Amino acid sequence: MKTAIAIRHIQFEDLGGFEPALKSAGYQVHYYDVGVHDLWTIEPVKTDLIILLGGPVGAYEGAIYPFIDEEIALVRTRMAANRPTLGICLGAQVMATALGARVSPGQDKEIGFHPVTLSQAGKDSVLAPFIDAPVTLHWHGDNFDLPAGCESLASTALCPHQAFRKGRNILGVQFHPEFCAPEMERWLIGHAHELSHAKIDLGQLRRDCARFAPELKAKAHQVMSAWLQQLEF
């Protein structure tokens, strides 16, 4: 049985709809919670699969959140060995930083259920389920530049690089393809301050979540299943 380690930065931002696909493919899932578990105990190269999840801090805030620099070092070693690595939101920003790209605050918060536009490379990637059903959950304030040697897979008006890949094994996604509808209320509570400051309509978020729930669940499973099938070990 293969092992998938998910580095989790905040409790409610978990693997969501990715987890059933991982388990169906025969992976044993282990969460490493930042601030609870020691990242140095993760073997960066031998571990079969590492997924870095989202969180409310910045990839450039290592001076005040020391775990960030530790995580960047871990994933840099892993990606140098071309081991399967997936990052979502903060996780993608950590990966971009480890690959030498700049991560910085965006012009505005991008929060809500909105379409994502795939590049030609994106249409030919594991993100293909977003071609005909482009709506996904966005929840971020930072953006990353495209790392050298990577392909840009998706964009929005507020975020020119929503996803990148480097070969088959390295994938970073700014938006949240893993999100499933049952998680929404936890996100609204956990991010209450951010939502209030950004003047986000919670009622609209709930309505959009209910509207897009079936396709979000299906796409999460499709994306993860497709990624696992094309990995090179």
Protein backbone atom coordinates (compact mmCIF):
# COMPACT_ATOMS: atom_id res chain seq x y z
CA MET A 1 0.00 0.00 0.00
CA LYS A 2 1.32 3.44 -0.96
CA THR A 3 1.34 6.33 1.52
CA ALA A 4 0.01 9.84 0.93
CA ILE A 5 1.04 12.50 3.44
CA ALA A 6 -1.13 15.63 3.56
CA ILE A 7 0.46 18.64 5.26
CA ARG A 8 -2.48 20.48 6.82
CA HIS A 9 -2.12 24.09 7.96
CA ILE A 10 -5.60 24.60 9.41
CA GLN A 11 -7.97 21.85 10.52
CA PHE A 12 -10.93 22.43 8.21
CA GLU A 13 -8.88 22.79 5.00
CA ASP A 14 -8.36 19.08 4.47
CA LEU A 15 -8.23 16.80 1.44
CA GLY A 16 -11.98 17.12 0.88
CA GLY A 17 -13.08 15.31 -2.26
CA PHE A 18 -9.52 14.19 -2.98
CA GLU A 19 -9.44 11.77 -0.06
CA PRO A 20 -11.92 9.18 -1.40
CA ALA A 21 -10.05 9.09 -4.71
CA LEU A 22 -6.75 8.54 -2.91
CA LYS A 23 -8.18 5.70 -0.84
CA SER A 24 -9.83 4.13 -3.90
CA ALA A 25 -6.42 4.09 -5.58
CA GLY A 26 -4.95 2.22 -2.62
CA TYR A 27 -3.24 5.05 -0.75
CA GLN A 28 -3.09 5.17 3.03
CA VAL A 29 -3.63 8.81 4.01
CA HIS A 30 -1.77 10.46 6.89
CA TYR A 31 -2.26 14.07 7.97
CA TYR A 32 0.61 16.11 9.36
CA ASP A 33 -0.88 19.09 11.20
CA VAL A 34 1.45 22.07 11.31
CA GLY A 35 2.01 23.14 14.91
CA VAL A 36 1.16 19.65 16.16
CA HIS A 37 3.40 17.27 14.21
CA ASP A 38 7.08 17.79 13.40
CA LEU A 39 7.69 18.23 9.67
CA TRP A 40 11.30 17.05 10.04
CA THR A 41 9.97 13.54 10.62
CA ILE A 42 8.67 13.38 7.03
CA GLU A 43 11.05 11.65 4.63
CA PRO A 44 11.03 14.09 1.69
CA VAL A 45 12.11 11.66 -1.02
CA LYS A 46 11.00 8.19 0.10
CA THR A 47 7.37 9.18 0.84
CA ASP A 48 5.17 8.05 -2.06
CA LEU A 49 3.02 11.17 -2.27
CA ILE A 50 2.99 14.56 -0.52
CA ILE A 51 0.10 17.02 -0.72
CA LEU A 52 0.41 20.51 0.74
CA LEU A 53 -2.96 21.99 1.68
CA GLY A 54 -4.25 25.55 2.03
CA GLY A 55 -3.98 27.97 4.92
CA PRO A 56 -4.33 31.61 5.95
CA VAL A 57 -0.65 32.62 6.13
CA GLY A 58 1.75 33.67 3.38
CA ALA A 59 4.56 31.65 1.85
CA TYR A 60 6.75 34.75 2.36
CA GLU A 61 6.14 34.90 6.12
CA GLY A 62 8.86 32.54 7.28
CA ALA A 63 10.26 35.16 9.65
CA ILE A 64 7.11 35.06 11.78
CA TYR A 65 5.97 31.50 10.97
CA PRO A 66 9.18 29.41 11.00
CA PHE A 67 7.41 26.27 9.76
CA ILE A 68 7.09 27.96 6.35
CA ASP A 69 10.83 27.89 5.71
CA GLU A 70 10.99 24.30 6.94
CA GLU A 71 8.19 23.34 4.57
CA ILE A 72 9.84 25.14 1.65
CA ALA A 73 13.09 23.27 2.29
CA LEU A 74 11.27 19.93 2.49
CA VAL A 75 9.38 20.41 -0.75
CA ARG A 76 12.45 21.82 -2.56
CA THR A 77 14.33 18.61 -1.78
CA ARG A 78 11.37 16.54 -2.87
CA MET A 79 10.78 18.35 -6.16
CA ALA A 80 14.50 18.23 -7.00
CA ALA A 81 14.08 14.45 -6.94
CA ASN A 82 10.92 14.75 -9.10
CA ARG A 83 8.80 12.96 -6.51
CA PRO A 84 4.98 13.32 -6.79
CA THR A 85 3.99 16.57 -5.11
CA LEU A 86 0.71 18.49 -5.19
CA GLY A 87 0.05 21.88 -3.63
CA ILE A 88 -3.26 23.67 -3.13
CA CYS A 89 -3.50 27.40 -2.40
CA LEU A 90 -0.81 28.03 0.26
CA GLY A 91 0.64 24.66 -0.70
CA ALA A 92 1.04 25.80 -4.32
CA GLN A 93 2.61 29.05 -3.12
CA VAL A 94 5.11 27.10 -1.02
CA MET A 95 5.97 25.01 -4.06
CA ALA A 96 6.34 28.09 -6.26
CA THR A 97 8.66 29.65 -3.68
CA ALA A 98 10.74 26.46 -3.51
CA LEU A 99 11.06 26.61 -7.30
CA GLY A 100 12.38 30.18 -7.14
CA ALA A 101 9.23 32.11 -8.04
CA ARG A 102 7.91 35.21 -6.28
CA VAL A 103 4.78 35.02 -4.11
CA SER A 104 3.14 38.30 -3.11
CA PRO A 105 -0.22 39.79 -2.05
CA GLY A 106 -2.68 40.24 -4.91
CA GLN A 107 -4.60 43.39 -5.73
CA ASP A 108 -7.73 42.01 -4.09
CA LYS A 109 -9.12 38.94 -2.36
CA GLU A 110 -10.50 36.30 -4.69
CA ILE A 111 -13.16 34.47 -2.68
CA GLY A 112 -16.20 32.70 -4.06
CA PHE A 113 -17.42 30.32 -6.72
CA HIS A 114 -16.20 31.59 -10.09
CA PRO A 115 -14.96 30.14 -13.39
CA VAL A 116 -11.35 29.39 -14.11
CA THR A 117 -9.92 29.62 -17.63
CA LEU A 118 -7.65 26.79 -18.74
CA SER A 119 -4.69 27.33 -21.04
CA GLN A 120 -4.11 24.84 -23.84
CA ALA A 121 -1.71 23.02 -21.54
CA GLY A 122 -4.40 23.07 -18.86
CA LYS A 123 -6.93 21.53 -21.24
CA ASP A 124 -4.49 18.70 -21.84
CA SER A 125 -3.83 18.24 -18.12
CA VAL A 126 -5.55 16.58 -15.17
CA LEU A 127 -7.57 19.82 -14.82
CA ALA A 128 -9.53 18.94 -17.98
CA PRO A 129 -12.80 18.47 -15.99
CA PHE A 130 -12.86 22.29 -15.73
CA ILE A 131 -13.15 22.73 -19.51
CA ASP A 132 -16.92 22.25 -19.67
CA ALA A 133 -17.67 22.99 -15.99
CA PRO A 134 -15.23 25.81 -15.15
CA VAL A 135 -16.67 26.97 -11.82
CA THR A 136 -14.56 26.24 -8.76
CA LEU A 137 -13.97 27.66 -5.30
CA HIS A 138 -11.44 30.49 -5.03
CA TRP A 139 -10.18 31.55 -1.62
CA HIS A 140 -6.92 33.43 -1.63
CA GLY A 141 -5.30 36.84 -1.37
CA ASP A 142 -1.78 36.02 -2.58
CA ASN A 143 -0.55 35.24 -6.10
CA PHE A 144 2.52 33.45 -7.39
CA ASP A 145 4.64 34.09 -10.47
CA LEU A 146 5.08 31.17 -12.83
CA PRO A 147 8.14 29.18 -11.71
CA ALA A 148 10.89 28.68 -14.28
CA GLY A 149 10.53 25.47 -16.25
CA CYS A 150 6.81 25.14 -15.45
CA GLU A 151 3.70 25.35 -17.62
CA SER A 152 0.83 27.67 -16.69
CA LEU A 153 -2.42 25.69 -16.69
CA ALA A 154 -5.14 28.15 -15.67
CA SER A 155 -5.93 31.79 -14.93
CA THR A 156 -8.59 34.25 -13.78
CA ALA A 157 -8.82 38.01 -14.20
CA LEU A 158 -7.43 38.58 -10.69
CA CYS A 159 -4.83 35.82 -10.84
CA PRO A 160 -2.85 35.22 -14.05
CA HIS A 161 -1.36 31.95 -12.76
CA GLN A 162 -3.96 29.74 -11.13
CA ALA A 163 -2.12 26.48 -11.67
CA PHE A 164 1.22 25.15 -12.90
CA ARG A 165 2.86 21.84 -13.57
CA LYS A 166 6.39 20.61 -14.03
CA GLY A 167 6.30 17.31 -15.83
CA ARG A 168 3.81 14.73 -14.62
CA ASN A 169 4.71 14.71 -10.92
CA ILE A 170 4.69 18.36 -9.86
CA LEU A 171 1.34 20.19 -9.73
CA GLY A 172 0.44 23.45 -7.96
CA VAL A 173 -3.11 24.83 -7.93
CA GLN A 174 -4.15 28.19 -6.49
CA PHE A 175 -7.88 27.47 -6.46
CA HIS A 176 -9.52 24.66 -4.51
CA PRO A 177 -10.35 21.65 -6.74
CA GLU A 178 -10.52 19.48 -3.62
CA PHE A 179 -13.41 21.40 -2.08
CA CYS A 180 -16.67 19.55 -1.30
CA ALA A 181 -19.93 21.17 -0.21
CA PRO A 182 -20.21 19.63 3.31
CA GLU A 183 -17.11 21.60 4.33
CA MET A 184 -18.54 25.06 3.63
CA GLU A 185 -19.86 25.94 7.09
CA ARG A 186 -16.51 25.12 8.68
CA TRP A 187 -14.80 27.45 6.22
CA LEU A 188 -17.27 30.25 6.95
CA ILE A 189 -16.67 29.95 10.69
CA GLY A 190 -12.91 29.50 10.47
CA HIS A 191 -12.44 32.43 8.08
CA ALA A 192 -15.06 34.69 9.69
CA HIS A 193 -12.68 37.62 10.20
CA GLU A 194 -11.34 37.49 6.65
CA LEU A 195 -14.84 37.27 5.19
CA SER A 196 -16.07 40.21 7.24
CA HIS A 197 -13.07 42.36 6.32
CA ALA A 198 -13.52 41.54 2.62
CA LYS A 199 -17.29 42.20 2.86
CA ILE A 200 -18.17 38.80 1.39
CA ASP A 201 -21.86 37.85 1.24
CA LEU A 202 -22.10 34.59 3.22
CA GLY A 203 -25.61 33.91 1.97
CA GLN A 204 -24.38 34.01 -1.63
CA LEU A 205 -21.52 31.67 -0.78
CA ARG A 206 -23.96 29.19 0.73
CA ARG A 207 -26.33 29.41 -2.27
CA ASP A 208 -23.50 28.97 -4.77
CA CYS A 209 -22.12 26.06 -2.78
CA ALA A 210 -25.48 24.28 -2.86
CA ARG A 211 -25.84 25.00 -6.59
CA PHE A 212 -22.43 23.66 -7.61
CA ALA A 213 -22.10 20.88 -5.02
CA PRO A 214 -22.68 17.86 -7.32
CA GLU A 215 -20.20 18.96 -9.97
CA LEU A 216 -17.61 20.02 -7.37
CA LYS A 217 -17.64 16.56 -5.81
CA ALA A 218 -17.38 14.88 -9.21
CA LYS A 219 -14.55 17.10 -10.39
CA ALA A 220 -12.55 16.57 -7.20
CA HIS A 221 -12.62 12.82 -7.74
CA GLN A 222 -11.83 13.15 -11.46
CA VAL A 223 -8.87 15.48 -10.96
CA MET A 224 -7.21 13.40 -8.25
CA SER A 225 -7.86 10.10 -10.03
CA ALA A 226 -6.40 11.45 -13.27
CA TRP A 227 -3.31 12.81 -11.50
CA LEU A 228 -2.63 9.52 -9.71
CA GLN A 229 -3.00 7.53 -12.94
CA GLN A 230 -0.36 9.55 -14.82
CA LEU A 231 2.29 9.80 -12.08
CA GLU A 232 5.80 8.54 -12.79
CA PHE A 233 7.36 6.70 -9.84
